[in-house]
Amino acid sequence: CGPAYRHPPSWDVTGRVGRKAARRAFEMAGIGPEDVDVCELYDPFSFEVIRQLEAFGFCGEGEGGAYVTSGVIEPSGRHPVCTDGGLLAHSHTGTSQLLQKVVQASRQLRGDAVNQVQGARVALCSNGGAGALFTHVLILGRDRP
């Protein structure tokens, strides 16, 4: 068990983890959260999804709970999340979980995913680790910017 689990960071540190990565990914892609059709987020537990939605700019800080309960992350919502069932359905196994998000996003963009999001053209993937100390953000699209 590493130091991040023995001495977890406080919310003032973890709440913002991923914000810089998301901003950079959106900047590189030339788009914003409003352009994303499907989100394959790191989801080891439900709060992590809410934290990322806030940190990545899908909603404001403190608005994540209401954002999620509004239905926006459901399969038919504006930003469907973890369309393959996420880590609960797949596993929390290290290396394979890192690829799971990208594989599912690719399937969504190809149009052959289980729980297909109709018309998906842009997908955001994330992964993190050890008490939300880091976050990777990848944006995939069907078209070149």
C-alpha atoms as a PDB file:
ATOM      1  CA  CYS A   1       0.000   0.000   0.000  1.00  0.00           C
ATOM      2  CA  GLY A   2       1.639   3.255  -1.167  1.00  0.00           C
ATOM      3  CA  PRO A   3       1.843   6.632   0.564  1.00  0.00           C
ATOM      4  CA  ALA A   4      -1.218   8.052  -1.209  1.00  0.00           C
ATOM      5  CA  TYR A   5      -3.395   5.444   0.478  1.00  0.00           C
ATOM      6  CA  ARG A   6      -1.794   5.792   3.913  1.00  0.00           C
ATOM      7  CA  HIS A   7      -1.851   9.622   3.769  1.00  0.00           C
ATOM      8  CA  PRO A   8      -4.568  10.572   1.295  1.00  0.00           C
ATOM      9  CA  PRO A   9      -4.570  14.134  -0.017  1.00  0.00           C
ATOM     10  CA  SER A  10      -7.167  16.611   1.165  1.00  0.00           C
ATOM     11  CA  TRP A  11     -10.021  17.863  -1.029  1.00  0.00           C
ATOM     12  CA  ASP A  12      -8.262  21.165  -1.753  1.00  0.00           C
ATOM     13  CA  VAL A  13      -5.626  19.113  -3.569  1.00  0.00           C
ATOM     14  CA  THR A  14      -7.678  16.321  -5.124  1.00  0.00           C
ATOM     15  CA  GLY A  15     -10.631  18.452  -6.192  1.00  0.00           C
ATOM     16  CA  ARG A  16      -8.559  20.116  -8.854  1.00  0.00           C
ATOM     17  CA  VAL A  17      -6.588  17.080 -10.039  1.00  0.00           C
ATOM     18  CA  GLY A  18      -7.112  16.710 -13.765  1.00  0.00           C
ATOM     19  CA  ARG A  19      -8.199  20.281 -14.415  1.00  0.00           C
ATOM     20  CA  LYS A  20      -4.913  21.237 -16.072  1.00  0.00           C
ATOM     21  CA  ALA A  21      -4.813  18.013 -18.099  1.00  0.00           C
ATOM     22  CA  ALA A  22      -8.385  18.537 -19.321  1.00  0.00           C
ATOM     23  CA  ARG A  23      -7.769  22.163 -20.243  1.00  0.00           C
ATOM     24  CA  ARG A  24      -4.684  21.179 -22.191  1.00  0.00           C
ATOM     25  CA  ALA A  25      -6.495  18.328 -23.969  1.00  0.00           C
ATOM     26  CA  PHE A  26      -9.397  20.598 -24.925  1.00  0.00           C
ATOM     27  CA  GLU A  27      -6.969  23.290 -26.078  1.00  0.00           C
ATOM     28  CA  MET A  28      -5.023  20.809 -28.224  1.00  0.00           C
ATOM     29  CA  ALA A  29      -8.258  19.488 -29.754  1.00  0.00           C
ATOM     30  CA  GLY A  30      -9.673  22.986 -30.293  1.00  0.00           C
ATOM     31  CA  ILE A  31     -12.946  22.113 -28.566  1.00  0.00           C
ATOM     32  CA  GLY A  32     -14.627  22.378 -25.158  1.00  0.00           C
ATOM     33  CA  PRO A  33     -16.703  20.168 -22.877  1.00  0.00           C
ATOM     34  CA  GLU A  34     -19.852  21.160 -24.764  1.00  0.00           C
ATOM     35  CA  ASP A  35     -18.443  19.385 -27.851  1.00  0.00           C
ATOM     36  CA  VAL A  36     -18.024  16.001 -26.150  1.00  0.00           C
ATOM     37  CA  ASP A  37     -20.605  13.335 -26.984  1.00  0.00           C
ATOM     38  CA  VAL A  38     -19.530  10.547 -24.624  1.00  0.00           C
ATOM     39  CA  CYS A  39     -17.318  10.393 -21.497  1.00  0.00           C
ATOM     40  CA  GLU A  40     -15.440   7.237 -20.579  1.00  0.00           C
ATOM     41  CA  LEU A  41     -14.280   8.400 -17.135  1.00  0.00           C
ATOM     42  CA  TYR A  42     -12.160   6.686 -14.516  1.00  0.00           C
ATOM     43  CA  ASP A  43     -14.855   5.475 -12.121  1.00  0.00           C
ATOM     44  CA  PRO A  44     -13.469   3.509  -9.182  1.00  0.00           C
ATOM     45  CA  PHE A  45     -16.359   4.956  -7.150  1.00  0.00           C
ATOM     46  CA  SER A  46     -19.220   7.335  -7.927  1.00  0.00           C
ATOM     47  CA  PHE A  47     -17.730  10.426  -6.305  1.00  0.00           C
ATOM     48  CA  GLU A  48     -14.728  10.283  -8.643  1.00  0.00           C
ATOM     49  CA  VAL A  49     -17.050  10.763 -11.630  1.00  0.00           C
ATOM     50  CA  ILE A  50     -18.609  13.843 -10.006  1.00  0.00           C
ATOM     51  CA  ARG A  51     -15.158  15.218  -9.136  1.00  0.00           C
ATOM     52  CA  GLN A  52     -13.945  14.814 -12.723  1.00  0.00           C
ATOM     53  CA  LEU A  53     -17.036  16.381 -14.273  1.00  0.00           C
ATOM     54  CA  GLU A  54     -16.383  19.468 -12.141  1.00  0.00           C
ATOM     55  CA  ALA A  55     -12.605  19.508 -12.697  1.00  0.00           C
ATOM     56  CA  PHE A  56     -12.952  19.033 -16.458  1.00  0.00           C
ATOM     57  CA  GLY A  57     -15.414  21.901 -16.855  1.00  0.00           C
ATOM     58  CA  PHE A  58     -18.625  20.022 -17.628  1.00  0.00           C
ATOM     59  CA  CYS A  59     -20.188  21.840 -14.685  1.00  0.00           C
ATOM     60  CA  GLY A  60     -19.066  24.273 -12.005  1.00  0.00           C
ATOM     61  CA  GLU A  61     -17.428  23.387  -8.712  1.00  0.00           C
ATOM     62  CA  GLY A  62     -20.033  22.150  -6.266  1.00  0.00           C
ATOM     63  CA  GLU A  63     -22.535  21.507  -9.070  1.00  0.00           C
ATOM     64  CA  GLY A  64     -21.503  17.926  -9.885  1.00  0.00           C
ATOM     65  CA  GLY A  65     -24.132  16.159  -7.785  1.00  0.00           C
ATOM     66  CA  ALA A  66     -27.020  18.080  -9.298  1.00  0.00           C
ATOM     67  CA  TYR A  67     -25.451  17.752 -12.763  1.00  0.00           C
ATOM     68  CA  VAL A  68     -25.347  13.965 -12.436  1.00  0.00           C
ATOM     69  CA  THR A  69     -28.849  13.578 -10.979  1.00  0.00           C
ATOM     70  CA  SER A  70     -30.276  15.720 -13.788  1.00  0.00           C
ATOM     71  CA  GLY A  71     -29.836  12.701 -16.080  1.00  0.00           C
ATOM     72  CA  VAL A  72     -27.124  14.217 -18.221  1.00  0.00           C
ATOM     73  CA  ILE A  73     -24.792  11.209 -17.732  1.00  0.00           C
ATOM     74  CA  GLU A  74     -27.397   8.560 -18.559  1.00  0.00           C
ATOM     75  CA  PRO A  75     -27.065   6.676 -21.870  1.00  0.00           C
ATOM     76  CA  SER A  76     -29.635   9.008 -23.457  1.00  0.00           C
ATOM     77  CA  GLY A  77     -28.272  12.127 -21.723  1.00  0.00           C
ATOM     78  CA  ARG A  78     -26.102  14.928 -23.117  1.00  0.00           C
ATOM     79  CA  HIS A  79     -22.844  13.437 -21.749  1.00  0.00           C
ATOM     80  CA  PRO A  80     -23.251   9.668 -21.251  1.00  0.00           C
ATOM     81  CA  VAL A  81     -20.633   8.314 -18.837  1.00  0.00           C
ATOM     82  CA  CYS A  82     -19.006   4.856 -18.713  1.00  0.00           C
ATOM     83  CA  THR A  83     -21.202   3.364 -21.391  1.00  0.00           C
ATOM     84  CA  ASP A  84     -19.818  -0.158 -20.941  1.00  0.00           C
ATOM     85  CA  GLY A  85     -20.658  -0.231 -17.239  1.00  0.00           C
ATOM     86  CA  GLY A  86     -17.285   1.123 -16.168  1.00  0.00           C
ATOM     87  CA  LEU A  87     -14.959  -0.456 -13.665  1.00  0.00           C
ATOM     88  CA  LEU A  88     -17.858  -2.042 -11.787  1.00  0.00           C
ATOM     89  CA  ALA A  89     -18.688  -4.099 -14.890  1.00  0.00           C
ATOM     90  CA  HIS A  90     -15.127  -4.626 -16.138  1.00  0.00           C
ATOM     91  CA  SER A  91     -12.657  -4.575 -13.248  1.00  0.00           C
ATOM     92  CA  HIS A  92     -10.210  -2.381 -11.427  1.00  0.00           C
ATOM     93  CA  THR A  93      -7.120  -4.237 -12.561  1.00  0.00           C
ATOM     94  CA  GLY A  94      -4.384  -1.724 -13.334  1.00  0.00           C
ATOM     95  CA  THR A  95      -3.109  -1.874 -16.911  1.00  0.00           C
ATOM     96  CA  SER A  96      -6.267  -3.301 -18.478  1.00  0.00           C
ATOM     97  CA  GLN A  97      -8.393  -0.538 -16.926  1.00  0.00           C
ATOM     98  CA  LEU A  98      -6.106   2.048 -18.525  1.00  0.00           C
ATOM     99  CA  LEU A  99      -6.942   0.649 -21.944  1.00  0.00           C
ATOM    100  CA  GLN A 100     -10.607  -0.121 -21.233  1.00  0.00           C
ATOM    101  CA  LYS A 101     -11.635   3.539 -21.445  1.00  0.00           C
ATOM    102  CA  VAL A 102      -9.869   4.103 -24.779  1.00  0.00           C
ATOM    103  CA  VAL A 103     -11.212   0.854 -26.240  1.00  0.00           C
ATOM    104  CA  GLN A 104     -14.805   1.744 -25.304  1.00  0.00           C
ATOM    105  CA  ALA A 105     -14.434   5.303 -26.615  1.00  0.00           C
ATOM    106  CA  SER A 106     -13.090   3.919 -29.905  1.00  0.00           C
ATOM    107  CA  ARG A 107     -16.039   1.553 -30.159  1.00  0.00           C
ATOM    108  CA  GLN A 108     -18.428   4.444 -29.553  1.00  0.00           C
ATOM    109  CA  LEU A 109     -16.803   6.501 -32.303  1.00  0.00           C
ATOM    110  CA  ARG A 110     -16.799   3.562 -34.734  1.00  0.00           C
ATOM    111  CA  GLY A 111     -20.496   3.041 -34.011  1.00  0.00           C
ATOM    112  CA  ASP A 112     -20.262  -0.582 -32.873  1.00  0.00           C
ATOM    113  CA  ALA A 113     -20.349  -0.301 -29.075  1.00  0.00           C
ATOM    114  CA  VAL A 114     -22.701  -2.043 -26.720  1.00  0.00           C
ATOM    115  CA  ASN A 115     -24.958   0.766 -25.417  1.00  0.00           C
ATOM    116  CA  GLN A 116     -24.083   2.793 -28.508  1.00  0.00           C
ATOM    117  CA  VAL A 117     -24.464   6.572 -28.238  1.00  0.00           C
ATOM    118  CA  GLN A 118     -26.070   7.512 -31.530  1.00  0.00           C
ATOM    119  CA  GLY A 119     -24.068  10.012 -33.556  1.00  0.00           C
ATOM    120  CA  ALA A 120     -21.058  10.023 -31.205  1.00  0.00           C
ATOM    121  CA  ARG A 121     -18.247  11.996 -32.846  1.00  0.00           C
ATOM    122  CA  VAL A 122     -16.115  13.103 -29.864  1.00  0.00           C
ATOM    123  CA  ALA A 123     -15.192  11.052 -26.790  1.00  0.00           C
ATOM    124  CA  LEU A 124     -13.274  12.017 -23.677  1.00  0.00           C
ATOM    125  CA  CYS A 125     -11.382   9.339 -21.726  1.00  0.00           C
ATOM    126  CA  SER A 126      -9.750   9.706 -18.343  1.00  0.00           C
ATOM    127  CA  ASN A 127      -7.774   7.618 -15.952  1.00  0.00           C
ATOM    128  CA  GLY A 128      -6.263   8.294 -12.595  1.00  0.00           C
ATOM    129  CA  GLY A 129      -4.768   6.687  -9.614  1.00  0.00           C
ATOM    130  CA  ALA A 130      -3.828   6.551  -5.986  1.00  0.00           C
ATOM    131  CA  GLY A 131      -6.262   8.819  -4.235  1.00  0.00           C
ATOM    132  CA  ALA A 132      -6.836  10.987  -7.312  1.00  0.00           C
ATOM    133  CA  LEU A 133      -3.248  12.201  -7.276  1.00  0.00           C
ATOM    134  CA  PHE A 134      -3.072  12.294 -11.066  1.00  0.00           C
ATOM    135  CA  THR A 135      -5.396  12.169 -14.039  1.00  0.00           C
ATOM    136  CA  HIS A 136      -4.786  11.401 -17.699  1.00  0.00           C
ATOM    137  CA  VAL A 137      -7.184  12.948 -20.209  1.00  0.00           C
ATOM    138  CA  LEU A 138      -7.479  11.865 -23.837  1.00  0.00           C
ATOM    139  CA  ILE A 139      -9.893  13.246 -26.413  1.00  0.00           C
ATOM    140  CA  LEU A 140     -10.731  11.133 -29.446  1.00  0.00           C
ATOM    141  CA  GLY A 141     -12.754  12.141 -32.456  1.00  0.00           C
ATOM    142  CA  ARG A 142     -14.085  10.774 -35.713  1.00  0.00           C
ATOM    143  CA  ASP A 143     -12.858  13.840 -37.613  1.00  0.00           C
ATOM    144  CA  ARG A 144      -9.581  15.692 -37.623  1.00  0.00           C
ATOM    145  CA  PRO A 145      -9.733  19.184 -36.130  1.00  0.00           C
END
